[in-house]
Amino acid sequence: MPWNSTYYPTSMKDLPQVLRAKAIEIANALLEEGMDEGKAIRVAIAKAREWARSHLGES
């Protein structure tokens, strides 16, 4: 089931809003490609953090 800004995995609850939004976007794309939910969440959070470092200068 796709996630959104009000329904998302518990592991994303403590992420800053902009980072969570990016992680949700990435996770939904990974789910559409057939990745299992658990792996999609982990990969999406990691990729969102990479995105934030390169685009927002966050660590």
PDB file of N, CA and C in Angstrom:
ATOM      1  N   MET A   1       0.849  -1.183   0.000  1.00  0.00           N
ATOM      2  CA  MET A   1       0.000   0.000   0.000  1.00  0.00           C
ATOM      3  C   MET A   1       0.892   1.244   0.000  1.00  0.00           C
ATOM      4  N   PRO A   2       0.638   2.175  -0.876  1.00  0.00           N
ATOM      5  CA  PRO A   2       1.463   3.392  -0.939  1.00  0.00           C
ATOM      6  C   PRO A   2       1.309   4.244   0.323  1.00  0.00           C
ATOM      7  N   TRP A   3       2.389   4.899   0.654  1.00  0.00           N
ATOM      8  CA  TRP A   3       2.395   5.771   1.829  1.00  0.00           C
ATOM      9  C   TRP A   3       2.202   7.216   1.404  1.00  0.00           C
ATOM     10  N   ASN A   4       1.837   8.055   2.387  1.00  0.00           N
ATOM     11  CA  ASN A   4       1.678   9.488   2.146  1.00  0.00           C
ATOM     12  C   ASN A   4       2.074  10.250   3.404  1.00  0.00           C
ATOM     13  N   SER A   5       1.812  11.540   3.456  1.00  0.00           N
ATOM     14  CA  SER A   5       2.267  12.364   4.576  1.00  0.00           C
ATOM     15  C   SER A   5       1.549  12.070   5.886  1.00  0.00           C
ATOM     16  N   THR A   6       0.417  11.395   5.842  1.00  0.00           N
ATOM     17  CA  THR A   6      -0.285  11.049   7.084  1.00  0.00           C
ATOM     18  C   THR A   6      -0.219   9.564   7.405  1.00  0.00           C
ATOM     19  N   TYR A   7       0.107   8.746   6.428  1.00  0.00           N
ATOM     20  CA  TYR A   7       0.239   7.306   6.618  1.00  0.00           C
ATOM     21  C   TYR A   7       1.596   6.877   6.086  1.00  0.00           C
ATOM     22  N   TYR A   8       2.482   6.527   7.005  1.00  0.00           N
ATOM     23  CA  TYR A   8       3.834   6.133   6.624  1.00  0.00           C
ATOM     24  C   TYR A   8       4.375   5.170   7.672  1.00  0.00           C
ATOM     25  N   PRO A   9       5.468   4.469   7.361  1.00  0.00           N
ATOM     26  CA  PRO A   9       6.030   3.503   8.300  1.00  0.00           C
ATOM     27  C   PRO A   9       6.492   4.166   9.603  1.00  0.00           C
ATOM     28  N   THR A  10       6.335   3.447  10.694  1.00  0.00           N
ATOM     29  CA  THR A  10       6.746   3.935  12.003  1.00  0.00           C
ATOM     30  C   THR A  10       8.212   4.339  12.025  1.00  0.00           C
ATOM     31  N   SER A  11       9.035   3.638  11.277  1.00  0.00           N
ATOM     32  CA  SER A  11      10.470   3.940  11.263  1.00  0.00           C
ATOM     33  C   SER A  11      10.772   5.303  10.644  1.00  0.00           C
ATOM     34  N   MET A  12       9.795   5.934  10.017  1.00  0.00           N
ATOM     35  CA  MET A  12       9.990   7.265   9.430  1.00  0.00           C
ATOM     36  C   MET A  12       9.448   8.384  10.311  1.00  0.00           C
ATOM     37  N   LYS A  13       8.854   8.045  11.464  1.00  0.00           N
ATOM     38  CA  LYS A  13       8.171   9.051  12.272  1.00  0.00           C
ATOM     39  C   LYS A  13       9.099  10.125  12.845  1.00  0.00           C
ATOM     40  N   ASP A  14      10.333   9.790  13.125  1.00  0.00           N
ATOM     41  CA  ASP A  14      11.248  10.761  13.721  1.00  0.00           C
ATOM     42  C   ASP A  14      12.077  11.531  12.691  1.00  0.00           C
ATOM     43  N   LEU A  15      11.867  11.263  11.415  1.00  0.00           N
ATOM     44  CA  LEU A  15      12.592  11.997  10.368  1.00  0.00           C
ATOM     45  C   LEU A  15      12.018  13.403  10.243  1.00  0.00           C
ATOM     46  N   PRO A  16      12.851  14.386   9.950  1.00  0.00           N
ATOM     47  CA  PRO A  16      12.325  15.723   9.661  1.00  0.00           C
ATOM     48  C   PRO A  16      11.337  15.633   8.491  1.00  0.00           C
ATOM     49  N   GLN A  17      10.366  16.516   8.475  1.00  0.00           N
ATOM     50  CA  GLN A  17       9.283  16.441   7.491  1.00  0.00           C
ATOM     51  C   GLN A  17       9.780  16.366   6.049  1.00  0.00           C
ATOM     52  N   VAL A  18      10.744  17.195   5.679  1.00  0.00           N
ATOM     53  CA  VAL A  18      11.231  17.198   4.293  1.00  0.00           C
ATOM     54  C   VAL A  18      11.929  15.873   3.966  1.00  0.00           C
ATOM     55  N   LEU A  19      12.662  15.344   4.923  1.00  0.00           N
ATOM     56  CA  LEU A  19      13.349  14.066   4.727  1.00  0.00           C
ATOM     57  C   LEU A  19      12.334  12.930   4.656  1.00  0.00           C
ATOM     58  N   ARG A  20      11.314  12.979   5.512  1.00  0.00           N
ATOM     59  CA  ARG A  20      10.265  11.958   5.485  1.00  0.00           C
ATOM     60  C   ARG A  20       9.537  11.962   4.141  1.00  0.00           C
ATOM     61  N   ALA A  21       9.233  13.152   3.635  1.00  0.00           N
ATOM     62  CA  ALA A  21       8.527  13.254   2.356  1.00  0.00           C
ATOM     63  C   ALA A  21       9.350  12.608   1.241  1.00  0.00           C
ATOM     64  N   LYS A  22      10.651  12.851   1.245  1.00  0.00           N
ATOM     65  CA  LYS A  22      11.521  12.260   0.217  1.00  0.00           C
ATOM     66  C   LYS A  22      11.596  10.744   0.396  1.00  0.00           C
ATOM     67  N   ALA A  23      11.695  10.287   1.640  1.00  0.00           N
ATOM     68  CA  ALA A  23      11.752   8.853   1.904  1.00  0.00           C
ATOM     69  C   ALA A  23      10.462   8.167   1.454  1.00  0.00           C
ATOM     70  N   ILE A  24       9.329   8.798   1.681  1.00  0.00           N
ATOM     71  CA  ILE A  24       8.044   8.248   1.245  1.00  0.00           C
ATOM     72  C   ILE A  24       8.007   8.159  -0.278  1.00  0.00           C
ATOM     73  N   GLU A  25       8.457   9.210  -0.936  1.00  0.00           N
ATOM     74  CA  GLU A  25       8.492   9.227  -2.402  1.00  0.00           C
ATOM     75  C   GLU A  25       9.353   8.079  -2.939  1.00  0.00           C
ATOM     76  N   ILE A  26      10.531   7.911  -2.359  1.00  0.00           N
ATOM     77  CA  ILE A  26      11.450   6.861  -2.799  1.00  0.00           C
ATOM     78  C   ILE A  26      10.867   5.485  -2.488  1.00  0.00           C
ATOM     79  N   ALA A  27      10.332   5.298  -1.287  1.00  0.00           N
ATOM     80  CA  ALA A  27       9.776   4.008  -0.893  1.00  0.00           C
ATOM     81  C   ALA A  27       8.616   3.594  -1.807  1.00  0.00           C
ATOM     82  N   ASN A  28       7.758   4.539  -2.120  1.00  0.00           N
ATOM     83  CA  ASN A  28       6.640   4.223  -3.014  1.00  0.00           C
ATOM     84  C   ASN A  28       7.134   3.793  -4.389  1.00  0.00           C
ATOM     85  N   ALA A  29       8.173   4.452  -4.887  1.00  0.00           N
ATOM     86  CA  ALA A  29       8.740   4.079  -6.184  1.00  0.00           C
ATOM     87  C   ALA A  29       9.342   2.674  -6.122  1.00  0.00           C
ATOM     88  N   LEU A  30      10.006   2.365  -5.027  1.00  0.00           N
ATOM     89  CA  LEU A  30      10.612   1.042  -4.880  1.00  0.00           C
ATOM     90  C   LEU A  30       9.543  -0.039  -4.789  1.00  0.00           C
ATOM     91  N   LEU A  31       8.447   0.251  -4.103  1.00  0.00           N
ATOM     92  CA  LEU A  31       7.343  -0.704  -4.025  1.00  0.00           C
ATOM     93  C   LEU A  31       6.755  -0.968  -5.405  1.00  0.00           C
ATOM     94  N   GLU A  32       6.624   0.089  -6.201  1.00  0.00           N
ATOM     95  CA  GLU A  32       6.094  -0.063  -7.559  1.00  0.00           C
ATOM     96  C   GLU A  32       6.999  -0.945  -8.414  1.00  0.00           C
ATOM     97  N   GLU A  33       8.292  -0.926  -8.112  1.00  0.00           N
ATOM     98  CA  GLU A  33       9.247  -1.753  -8.852  1.00  0.00           C
ATOM     99  C   GLU A  33       9.267  -3.199  -8.354  1.00  0.00           C
ATOM    100  N   GLY A  34       8.505  -3.471  -7.284  1.00  0.00           N
ATOM    101  CA  GLY A  34       8.403  -4.833  -6.792  1.00  0.00           C
ATOM    102  C   GLY A  34       9.253  -5.175  -5.586  1.00  0.00           C
ATOM    103  N   MET A  35       9.932  -4.199  -5.011  1.00  0.00           N
ATOM    104  CA  MET A  35      10.756  -4.464  -3.836  1.00  0.00           C
ATOM    105  C   MET A  35       9.841  -4.750  -2.638  1.00  0.00           C
ATOM    106  N   ASP A  36      10.284  -5.645  -1.745  1.00  0.00           N
ATOM    107  CA  ASP A  36       9.463  -5.930  -0.580  1.00  0.00           C
ATOM    108  C   ASP A  36       9.461  -4.727   0.367  1.00  0.00           C
ATOM    109  N   GLU A  37       8.407  -4.630   1.153  1.00  0.00           N
ATOM    110  CA  GLU A  37       8.153  -3.451   1.976  1.00  0.00           C
ATOM    111  C   GLU A  37       9.293  -3.125   2.938  1.00  0.00           C
ATOM    112  N   GLY A  38       9.781  -4.113   3.671  1.00  0.00           N
ATOM    113  CA  GLY A  38      10.835  -3.871   4.653  1.00  0.00           C
ATOM    114  C   GLY A  38      12.101  -3.309   4.028  1.00  0.00           C
ATOM    115  N   LYS A  39      12.510  -3.912   2.928  1.00  0.00           N
ATOM    116  CA  LYS A  39      13.711  -3.444   2.246  1.00  0.00           C
ATOM    117  C   LYS A  39      13.479  -2.063   1.643  1.00  0.00           C
ATOM    118  N   ALA A  40      12.300  -1.834   1.084  1.00  0.00           N
ATOM    119  CA  ALA A  40      11.985  -0.528   0.489  1.00  0.00           C
ATOM    120  C   ALA A  40      12.092   0.576   1.534  1.00  0.00           C
ATOM    121  N   ILE A  41      11.633   0.315   2.736  1.00  0.00           N
ATOM    122  CA  ILE A  41      11.707   1.315   3.807  1.00  0.00           C
ATOM    123  C   ILE A  41      13.152   1.619   4.141  1.00  0.00           C
ATOM    124  N   ARG A  42      13.949   0.593   4.347  1.00  0.00           N
ATOM    125  CA  ARG A  42      15.364   0.799   4.710  1.00  0.00           C
ATOM    126  C   ARG A  42      16.123   1.539   3.621  1.00  0.00           C
ATOM    127  N   VAL A  43      15.950   1.108   2.384  1.00  0.00           N
ATOM    128  CA  VAL A  43      16.650   1.742   1.269  1.00  0.00           C
ATOM    129  C   VAL A  43      16.183   3.184   1.107  1.00  0.00           C
ATOM    130  N   ALA A  44      14.882   3.419   1.228  1.00  0.00           N
ATOM    131  CA  ALA A  44      14.337   4.767   1.047  1.00  0.00           C
ATOM    132  C   ALA A  44      14.876   5.739   2.089  1.00  0.00           C
ATOM    133  N   ILE A  45      14.973   5.306   3.328  1.00  0.00           N
ATOM    134  CA  ILE A  45      15.508   6.185   4.373  1.00  0.00           C
ATOM    135  C   ILE A  45      16.965   6.507   4.087  1.00  0.00           C
ATOM    136  N   ALA A  46      17.740   5.506   3.723  1.00  0.00           N
ATOM    137  CA  ALA A  46      19.156   5.735   3.411  1.00  0.00           C
ATOM    138  C   ALA A  46      19.317   6.671   2.211  1.00  0.00           C
ATOM    139  N   LYS A  47      18.536   6.443   1.161  1.00  0.00           N
ATOM    140  CA  LYS A  47      18.632   7.292  -0.030  1.00  0.00           C
ATOM    141  C   LYS A  47      18.137   8.708   0.257  1.00  0.00           C
ATOM    142  N   ALA A  48      17.124   8.852   1.092  1.00  0.00           N
ATOM    143  CA  ALA A  48      16.632  10.184   1.452  1.00  0.00           C
ATOM    144  C   ALA A  48      17.690  10.953   2.239  1.00  0.00           C
ATOM    145  N   ARG A  49      18.415  10.255   3.102  1.00  0.00           N
ATOM    146  CA  ARG A  49      19.500  10.917   3.850  1.00  0.00           C
ATOM    147  C   ARG A  49      20.614  11.352   2.903  1.00  0.00           C
ATOM    148  N   GLU A  50      20.945  10.504   1.928  1.00  0.00           N
ATOM    149  CA  GLU A  50      21.952  10.885   0.926  1.00  0.00           C
ATOM    150  C   GLU A  50      21.477  12.112   0.150  1.00  0.00           C
ATOM    151  N   TRP A  51      20.214  12.092  -0.253  1.00  0.00           N
ATOM    152  CA  TRP A  51      19.616  13.219  -0.979  1.00  0.00           C
ATOM    153  C   TRP A  51      19.724  14.502  -0.153  1.00  0.00           C
ATOM    154  N   ALA A  52      19.398  14.411   1.129  1.00  0.00           N
ATOM    155  CA  ALA A  52      19.429  15.587   2.004  1.00  0.00           C
ATOM    156  C   ALA A  52      20.848  16.143   2.115  1.00  0.00           C
ATOM    157  N   ARG A  53      21.832  15.240   2.247  1.00  0.00           N
ATOM    158  CA  ARG A  53      23.221  15.694   2.353  1.00  0.00           C
ATOM    159  C   ARG A  53      23.655  16.430   1.099  1.00  0.00           C
ATOM    160  N   SER A  54      23.272  15.932  -0.053  1.00  0.00           N
ATOM    161  CA  SER A  54      23.739  16.548  -1.283  1.00  0.00           C
ATOM    162  C   SER A  54      22.905  17.760  -1.710  1.00  0.00           C
ATOM    163  N   HIS A  55      21.625  17.777  -1.364  1.00  0.00           N
ATOM    164  CA  HIS A  55      20.762  18.881  -1.813  1.00  0.00           C
ATOM    165  C   HIS A  55      20.481  19.909  -0.736  1.00  0.00           C
ATOM    166  N   LEU A  56      20.532  19.501   0.517  1.00  0.00           N
ATOM    167  CA  LEU A  56      20.205  20.425   1.601  1.00  0.00           C
ATOM    168  C   LEU A  56      21.398  20.722   2.502  1.00  0.00           C
ATOM    169  N   GLY A  57      22.487  20.014   2.274  1.00  0.00           N
ATOM    170  CA  GLY A  57      23.679  20.214   3.092  1.00  0.00           C
ATOM    171  C   GLY A  57      23.525  19.701   4.507  1.00  0.00           C
ATOM    172  N   GLU A  58      22.603  18.745   4.711  1.00  0.00           N
ATOM    173  CA  GLU A  58      22.397  18.199   6.053  1.00  0.00           C
ATOM    174  C   GLU A  58      23.275  16.978   6.250  1.00  0.00           C
ATOM    175  N   SER A  59      23.589  16.725   7.516  1.00  0.00           N
ATOM    176  CA  SER A  59      24.401  15.540   7.819  1.00  0.00           C
ATOM    177  C   SER A  59      23.584  14.457   8.458  1.00  0.00           C
TER     178      SER A  59
END
